[in-house]
Amino acid sequence: SVVFRVTSPFISASICHCTQCRKTHAGTGAA
């Protein structure tokens, strides 16, 4: 239902292990 395009390269990328990201993604972290 949701489709989009990122039209430029990412500036940075990381894996977050904060409680909110863990709960949002139901895992140990979120990239």
ModelCIF file with pLDDT and N, C-alpha, C, O atoms, coordinates in Angstrom:
data_MODEL
#
_entry.id   MODEL 
#
_entity.id                         1 
_entity.type                       polymer 
_entity.pdbx_number_of_molecules   1 
#
_entity_poly.entity_id                      1 
_entity_poly.type                           'polypeptide(L)' 
_entity_poly.nstd_linkage                   no 
_entity_poly.nstd_monomer                   no 
_entity_poly.pdbx_seq_one_letter_code       SVVFRVTSPFISASICHCTQCRKTHAGTGAA 
_entity_poly.pdbx_seq_one_letter_code_can   SVVFRVTSPFISASICHCTQCRKTHAGTGAA 
_entity_poly.pdbx_strand_id                 A 
#
loop_
_entity_poly_seq.entity_id 
_entity_poly_seq.num 
_entity_poly_seq.mon_id 
_entity_poly_seq.hetero 
1 1  SER n 
1 2  VAL n 
1 3  VAL n 
1 4  PHE n 
1 5  ARG n 
1 6  VAL n 
1 7  THR n 
1 8  SER n 
1 9  PRO n 
1 10 PHE n 
1 11 ILE n 
1 12 SER n 
1 13 ALA n 
1 14 SER n 
1 15 ILE n 
1 16 CYS n 
1 17 HIS n 
1 18 CYS n 
1 19 THR n 
1 20 GLN n 
1 21 CYS n 
1 22 ARG n 
1 23 LYS n 
1 24 THR n 
1 25 HIS n 
1 26 ALA n 
1 27 GLY n 
1 28 THR n 
1 29 GLY n 
1 30 ALA n 
1 31 ALA n 
#
_struct_asym.id          A 
_struct_asym.entity_id   1 
#
loop_
_ma_qa_metric.id 
_ma_qa_metric.mode 
_ma_qa_metric.name 
_ma_qa_metric.software_group_id 
_ma_qa_metric.type 
1 global pLDDT . pLDDT 
2 local  pLDDT . pLDDT 
#
_ma_qa_metric_global.metric_id      1 
_ma_qa_metric_global.metric_value   95.94 
_ma_qa_metric_global.model_id       1 
_ma_qa_metric_global.ordinal_id     1 
#
loop_
_ma_qa_metric_local.label_asym_id 
_ma_qa_metric_local.label_comp_id 
_ma_qa_metric_local.label_seq_id 
_ma_qa_metric_local.metric_id 
_ma_qa_metric_local.metric_value 
_ma_qa_metric_local.model_id 
_ma_qa_metric_local.ordinal_id 
A SER 1  2 96.00 1 1  
A VAL 2  2 97.00 1 2  
A VAL 3  2 97.00 1 3  
A PHE 4  2 97.00 1 4  
A ARG 5  2 97.00 1 5  
A VAL 6  2 98.00 1 6  
A THR 7  2 97.00 1 7  
A SER 8  2 96.00 1 8  
A PRO 9  2 96.00 1 9  
A PHE 10 2 97.00 1 10 
A ILE 11 2 97.00 1 11 
A SER 12 2 97.00 1 12 
A ALA 13 2 98.00 1 13 
A SER 14 2 97.00 1 14 
A ILE 15 2 97.00 1 15 
A CYS 16 2 96.00 1 16 
A HIS 17 2 97.00 1 17 
A CYS 18 2 94.00 1 18 
A THR 19 2 94.00 1 19 
A GLN 20 2 94.00 1 20 
A CYS 21 2 94.00 1 21 
A ARG 22 2 96.00 1 22 
A LYS 23 2 94.00 1 23 
A THR 24 2 94.00 1 24 
A HIS 25 2 95.00 1 25 
A ALA 26 2 94.00 1 26 
A GLY 27 2 94.00 1 27 
A THR 28 2 95.00 1 28 
A GLY 29 2 94.00 1 29 
A ALA 30 2 97.00 1 30 
A ALA 31 2 98.00 1 31 
#
loop_
_atom_site.group_PDB 
_atom_site.id 
_atom_site.type_symbol 
_atom_site.label_atom_id 
_atom_site.label_alt_id 
_atom_site.label_comp_id 
_atom_site.label_asym_id 
_atom_site.label_entity_id 
_atom_site.label_seq_id 
_atom_site.pdbx_PDB_ins_code 
_atom_site.Cartn_x 
_atom_site.Cartn_y 
_atom_site.Cartn_z 
_atom_site.occupancy 
_atom_site.B_iso_or_equiv 
_atom_site.pdbx_formal_charge 
_atom_site.auth_seq_id 
_atom_site.auth_comp_id 
_atom_site.auth_asym_id 
_atom_site.auth_atom_id 
_atom_site.pdbx_PDB_model_num 
ATOM 1   N N  . SER A 1 1  ? 0.814  -1.221 0.000  1.00 96.00 ? 1  SER A N  1 
ATOM 2   C CA . SER A 1 1  ? 0.000  0.000  0.000  1.00 96.00 ? 1  SER A CA 1 
ATOM 3   C C  . SER A 1 1  ? 0.846  1.269  0.000  1.00 96.00 ? 1  SER A C  1 
ATOM 4   O O  . SER A 1 1  ? 0.453  2.287  -0.571 1.00 96.00 ? 1  SER A O  1 
ATOM 5   N N  . VAL A 1 2  ? 2.014  1.201  0.647  1.00 97.00 ? 2  VAL A N  1 
ATOM 6   C CA . VAL A 1 2  ? 2.919  2.342  0.716  1.00 97.00 ? 2  VAL A CA 1 
ATOM 7   C C  . VAL A 1 2  ? 4.097  2.059  -0.212 1.00 97.00 ? 2  VAL A C  1 
ATOM 8   O O  . VAL A 1 2  ? 4.820  1.078  -0.039 1.00 97.00 ? 2  VAL A O  1 
ATOM 9   N N  . VAL A 1 3  ? 4.275  2.928  -1.191 1.00 97.00 ? 3  VAL A N  1 
ATOM 10  C CA . VAL A 1 3  ? 5.374  2.796  -2.145 1.00 97.00 ? 3  VAL A CA 1 
ATOM 11  C C  . VAL A 1 3  ? 6.019  4.172  -2.292 1.00 97.00 ? 3  VAL A C  1 
ATOM 12  O O  . VAL A 1 3  ? 5.330  5.177  -2.467 1.00 97.00 ? 3  VAL A O  1 
ATOM 13  N N  . PHE A 1 4  ? 7.342  4.203  -2.220 1.00 97.00 ? 4  PHE A N  1 
ATOM 14  C CA . PHE A 1 4  ? 8.054  5.470  -2.385 1.00 97.00 ? 4  PHE A CA 1 
ATOM 15  C C  . PHE A 1 4  ? 9.446  5.197  -2.930 1.00 97.00 ? 4  PHE A C  1 
ATOM 16  O O  . PHE A 1 4  ? 9.882  4.051  -3.038 1.00 97.00 ? 4  PHE A O  1 
ATOM 17  N N  . ARG A 1 5  ? 10.127 6.279  -3.267 1.00 97.00 ? 5  ARG A N  1 
ATOM 18  C CA . ARG A 1 5  ? 11.479 6.184  -3.797 1.00 97.00 ? 5  ARG A CA 1 
ATOM 19  C C  . ARG A 1 5  ? 12.343 7.200  -3.058 1.00 97.00 ? 5  ARG A C  1 
ATOM 20  O O  . ARG A 1 5  ? 11.918 8.328  -2.806 1.00 97.00 ? 5  ARG A O  1 
ATOM 21  N N  . VAL A 1 6  ? 13.546 6.791  -2.719 1.00 98.00 ? 6  VAL A N  1 
ATOM 22  C CA . VAL A 1 6  ? 14.556 7.702  -2.172 1.00 98.00 ? 6  VAL A CA 1 
ATOM 23  C C  . VAL A 1 6  ? 15.426 8.084  -3.362 1.00 98.00 ? 6  VAL A C  1 
ATOM 24  O O  . VAL A 1 6  ? 16.084 7.231  -3.957 1.00 98.00 ? 6  VAL A O  1 
ATOM 25  N N  . THR A 1 7  ? 15.426 9.375  -3.706 1.00 97.00 ? 7  THR A N  1 
ATOM 26  C CA . THR A 1 7  ? 16.034 9.819  -4.967 1.00 97.00 ? 7  THR A CA 1 
ATOM 27  C C  . THR A 1 7  ? 17.493 10.235 -4.844 1.00 97.00 ? 7  THR A C  1 
ATOM 28  O O  . THR A 1 7  ? 18.098 10.645 -5.835 1.00 97.00 ? 7  THR A O  1 
ATOM 29  N N  . SER A 1 8  ? 18.068 10.140 -3.657 1.00 96.00 ? 8  SER A N  1 
ATOM 30  C CA . SER A 1 8  ? 19.480 10.460 -3.487 1.00 96.00 ? 8  SER A CA 1 
ATOM 31  C C  . SER A 1 8  ? 20.116 9.384  -2.609 1.00 96.00 ? 8  SER A C  1 
ATOM 32  O O  . SER A 1 8  ? 19.405 8.661  -1.911 1.00 96.00 ? 8  SER A O  1 
ATOM 33  N N  . PRO A 1 9  ? 21.430 9.270  -2.633 1.00 96.00 ? 9  PRO A N  1 
ATOM 34  C CA . PRO A 1 9  ? 22.084 8.288  -1.764 1.00 96.00 ? 9  PRO A CA 1 
ATOM 35  C C  . PRO A 1 9  ? 21.853 8.637  -0.292 1.00 96.00 ? 9  PRO A C  1 
ATOM 36  O O  . PRO A 1 9  ? 21.689 9.804  0.061  1.00 96.00 ? 9  PRO A O  1 
ATOM 37  N N  . PHE A 1 10 ? 21.843 7.610  0.557  1.00 97.00 ? 10 PHE A N  1 
ATOM 38  C CA . PHE A 1 10 ? 21.747 7.865  1.996  1.00 97.00 ? 10 PHE A CA 1 
ATOM 39  C C  . PHE A 1 10 ? 22.991 8.614  2.459  1.00 97.00 ? 10 PHE A C  1 
ATOM 40  O O  . PHE A 1 10 ? 24.091 8.396  1.951  1.00 97.00 ? 10 PHE A O  1 
ATOM 41  N N  . ILE A 1 11 ? 22.797 9.497  3.428  1.00 97.00 ? 11 ILE A N  1 
ATOM 42  C CA . ILE A 1 11 ? 23.880 10.268 4.023  1.00 97.00 ? 11 ILE A CA 1 
ATOM 43  C C  . ILE A 1 11 ? 24.655 9.399  5.009  1.00 97.00 ? 11 ILE A C  1 
ATOM 44  O O  . ILE A 1 11 ? 25.881 9.480  5.097  1.00 97.00 ? 11 ILE A O  1 
ATOM 45  N N  . SER A 1 12 ? 23.929 8.571  5.744  1.00 97.00 ? 12 SER A N  1 
ATOM 46  C CA . SER A 1 12 ? 24.523 7.649  6.710  1.00 97.00 ? 12 SER A CA 1 
ATOM 47  C C  . SER A 1 12 ? 23.525 6.525  6.958  1.00 97.00 ? 12 SER A C  1 
ATOM 48  O O  . SER A 1 12 ? 22.363 6.599  6.558  1.00 97.00 ? 12 SER A O  1 
ATOM 49  N N  . ALA A 1 13 ? 24.005 5.489  7.623  1.00 98.00 ? 13 ALA A N  1 
ATOM 50  C CA . ALA A 1 13 ? 23.127 4.372  7.991  1.00 98.00 ? 13 ALA A CA 1 
ATOM 51  C C  . ALA A 1 13 ? 23.624 3.796  9.308  1.00 98.00 ? 13 ALA A C  1 
ATOM 52  O O  . ALA A 1 13 ? 24.827 3.744  9.564  1.00 98.00 ? 13 ALA A O  1 
ATOM 53  N N  . SER A 1 14 ? 22.681 3.365  10.138 1.00 97.00 ? 14 SER A N  1 
ATOM 54  C CA . SER A 1 14 ? 23.032 2.841  11.449 1.00 97.00 ? 14 SER A CA 1 
ATOM 55  C C  . SER A 1 14 ? 22.013 1.800  11.895 1.00 97.00 ? 14 SER A C  1 
ATOM 56  O O  . SER A 1 14 ? 20.957 1.628  11.285 1.00 97.00 ? 14 SER A O  1 
ATOM 57  N N  . ILE A 1 15 ? 22.359 1.122  12.964 1.00 97.00 ? 15 ILE A N  1 
ATOM 58  C CA . ILE A 1 15 ? 21.441 0.186  13.611 1.00 97.00 ? 15 ILE A CA 1 
ATOM 59  C C  . ILE A 1 15 ? 21.189 0.717  15.009 1.00 97.00 ? 15 ILE A C  1 
ATOM 60  O O  . ILE A 1 15 ? 22.120 0.887  15.797 1.00 97.00 ? 15 ILE A O  1 
ATOM 61  N N  . CYS A 1 16 ? 19.939 0.977  15.312 1.00 96.00 ? 16 CYS A N  1 
ATOM 62  C CA . CYS A 1 16 ? 19.564 1.550  16.608 1.00 96.00 ? 16 CYS A CA 1 
ATOM 63  C C  . CYS A 1 16 ? 18.971 0.464  17.503 1.00 96.00 ? 16 CYS A C  1 
ATOM 64  O O  . CYS A 1 16 ? 18.136 -0.330 17.070 1.00 96.00 ? 16 CYS A O  1 
ATOM 65  N N  . HIS A 1 17 ? 19.416 0.445  18.745 1.00 97.00 ? 17 HIS A N  1 
ATOM 66  C CA . HIS A 1 17 ? 18.938 -0.536 19.715 1.00 97.00 ? 17 HIS A CA 1 
ATOM 67  C C  . HIS A 1 17 ? 18.136 0.112  20.846 1.00 97.00 ? 17 HIS A C  1 
ATOM 68  O O  . HIS A 1 17 ? 17.937 -0.507 21.891 1.00 97.00 ? 17 HIS A O  1 
ATOM 69  N N  . CYS A 1 18 ? 17.677 1.343  20.650 1.00 94.00 ? 18 CYS A N  1 
ATOM 70  C CA . CYS A 1 18 ? 16.887 1.999  21.699 1.00 94.00 ? 18 CYS A CA 1 
ATOM 71  C C  . CYS A 1 18 ? 15.577 1.229  21.899 1.00 94.00 ? 18 CYS A C  1 
ATOM 72  O O  . CYS A 1 18 ? 15.142 0.479  21.025 1.00 94.00 ? 18 CYS A O  1 
ATOM 73  N N  . THR A 1 19 ? 14.978 1.423  23.032 1.00 94.00 ? 19 THR A N  1 
ATOM 74  C CA . THR A 1 19 ? 13.749 0.709  23.360 1.00 94.00 ? 19 THR A CA 1 
ATOM 75  C C  . THR A 1 19 ? 12.655 0.972  22.334 1.00 94.00 ? 19 THR A C  1 
ATOM 76  O O  . THR A 1 19 ? 11.929 0.051  21.960 1.00 94.00 ? 19 THR A O  1 
ATOM 77  N N  . GLN A 1 20 ? 12.525 2.215  21.871 1.00 94.00 ? 20 GLN A N  1 
ATOM 78  C CA . GLN A 1 20 ? 11.477 2.539  20.899 1.00 94.00 ? 20 GLN A CA 1 
ATOM 79  C C  . GLN A 1 20 ? 11.692 1.802  19.577 1.00 94.00 ? 20 GLN A C  1 
ATOM 80  O O  . GLN A 1 20 ? 10.739 1.265  19.013 1.00 94.00 ? 20 GLN A O  1 
ATOM 81  N N  . CYS A 1 21 ? 12.912 1.769  19.082 1.00 94.00 ? 21 CYS A N  1 
ATOM 82  C CA . CYS A 1 21 ? 13.177 1.056  17.818 1.00 94.00 ? 21 CYS A CA 1 
ATOM 83  C C  . CYS A 1 21 ? 12.990 -0.443 17.989 1.00 94.00 ? 21 CYS A C  1 
ATOM 84  O O  . CYS A 1 21 ? 12.478 -1.113 17.092 1.00 94.00 ? 21 CYS A O  1 
ATOM 85  N N  . ARG A 1 22 ? 13.401 -0.974 19.136 1.00 96.00 ? 22 ARG A N  1 
ATOM 86  C CA . ARG A 1 22 ? 13.209 -2.402 19.379 1.00 96.00 ? 22 ARG A CA 1 
ATOM 87  C C  . ARG A 1 22 ? 11.721 -2.746 19.382 1.00 96.00 ? 22 ARG A C  1 
ATOM 88  O O  . ARG A 1 22 ? 11.323 -3.762 18.812 1.00 96.00 ? 22 ARG A O  1 
ATOM 89  N N  . LYS A 1 23 ? 10.910 -1.927 20.006 1.00 94.00 ? 23 LYS A N  1 
ATOM 90  C CA . LYS A 1 23 ? 9.474  -2.198 20.056 1.00 94.00 ? 23 LYS A CA 1 
ATOM 91  C C  . LYS A 1 23 ? 8.809  -1.949 18.702 1.00 94.00 ? 23 LYS A C  1 
ATOM 92  O O  . LYS A 1 23 ? 7.937  -2.717 18.294 1.00 94.00 ? 23 LYS A O  1 
ATOM 93  N N  . THR A 1 24 ? 9.207  -0.894 18.008 1.00 94.00 ? 24 THR A N  1 
ATOM 94  C CA . THR A 1 24 ? 8.635  -0.592 16.700 1.00 94.00 ? 24 THR A CA 1 
ATOM 95  C C  . THR A 1 24 ? 8.880  -1.718 15.703 1.00 94.00 ? 24 THR A C  1 
ATOM 96  O O  . THR A 1 24 ? 8.001  -2.053 14.909 1.00 94.00 ? 24 THR A O  1 
ATOM 97  N N  . HIS A 1 25 ? 10.074 -2.298 15.745 1.00 95.00 ? 25 HIS A N  1 
ATOM 98  C CA . HIS A 1 25 ? 10.456 -3.342 14.794 1.00 95.00 ? 25 HIS A CA 1 
ATOM 99  C C  . HIS A 1 25 ? 10.350 -4.746 15.381 1.00 95.00 ? 25 HIS A C  1 
ATOM 100 O O  . HIS A 1 25 ? 10.641 -5.728 14.698 1.00 95.00 ? 25 HIS A O  1 
ATOM 101 N N  . ALA A 1 26 ? 9.934  -4.844 16.647 1.00 94.00 ? 26 ALA A N  1 
ATOM 102 C CA . ALA A 1 26 ? 9.784  -6.137 17.323 1.00 94.00 ? 26 ALA A CA 1 
ATOM 103 C C  . ALA A 1 26 ? 11.045 -6.983 17.193 1.00 94.00 ? 26 ALA A C  1 
ATOM 104 O O  . ALA A 1 26 ? 10.982 -8.157 16.828 1.00 94.00 ? 26 ALA A O  1 
ATOM 105 N N  . GLY A 1 27 ? 12.181 -6.379 17.492 1.00 94.00 ? 27 GLY A N  1 
ATOM 106 C CA . GLY A 1 27 ? 13.446 -7.096 17.378 1.00 94.00 ? 27 GLY A CA 1 
ATOM 107 C C  . GLY A 1 27 ? 14.515 -6.511 18.276 1.00 94.00 ? 27 GLY A C  1 
ATOM 108 O O  . GLY A 1 27 ? 14.223 -5.768 19.214 1.00 94.00 ? 27 GLY A O  1 
ATOM 109 N N  . THR A 1 28 ? 15.754 -6.854 17.978 1.00 95.00 ? 28 THR A N  1 
ATOM 110 C CA . THR A 1 28 ? 16.882 -6.396 18.790 1.00 95.00 ? 28 THR A CA 1 
ATOM 111 C C  . THR A 1 28 ? 17.352 -5.005 18.395 1.00 95.00 ? 28 THR A C  1 
ATOM 112 O O  . THR A 1 28 ? 18.160 -4.399 19.098 1.00 95.00 ? 28 THR A O  1 
ATOM 113 N N  . GLY A 1 29 ? 16.859 -4.502 17.291 1.00 94.00 ? 29 GLY A N  1 
ATOM 114 C CA . GLY A 1 29 ? 17.233 -3.182 16.819 1.00 94.00 ? 29 GLY A CA 1 
ATOM 115 C C  . GLY A 1 29 ? 16.603 -2.915 15.472 1.00 94.00 ? 29 GLY A C  1 
ATOM 116 O O  . GLY A 1 29 ? 15.854 -3.740 14.948 1.00 94.00 ? 29 GLY A O  1 
ATOM 117 N N  . ALA A 1 30 ? 16.908 -1.770 14.919 1.00 97.00 ? 30 ALA A N  1 
ATOM 118 C CA . ALA A 1 30 ? 16.348 -1.369 13.629 1.00 97.00 ? 30 ALA A CA 1 
ATOM 119 C C  . ALA A 1 30 ? 17.421 -0.672 12.816 1.00 97.00 ? 30 ALA A C  1 
ATOM 120 O O  . ALA A 1 30 ? 18.148 0.174  13.336 1.00 97.00 ? 30 ALA A O  1 
ATOM 121 N N  . ALA A 1 31 ? 17.522 -1.026 11.538 1.00 98.00 ? 31 ALA A N  1 
ATOM 122 C CA . ALA A 1 31 ? 18.485 -0.403 10.636 1.00 98.00 ? 31 ALA A CA 1 
ATOM 123 C C  . ALA A 1 31 ? 17.790 0.723  9.871  1.00 98.00 ? 31 ALA A C  1 
ATOM 124 O O  . ALA A 1 31 ? 18.418 1.390  9.049  1.00 98.00 ? 31 ALA A O  1 
#
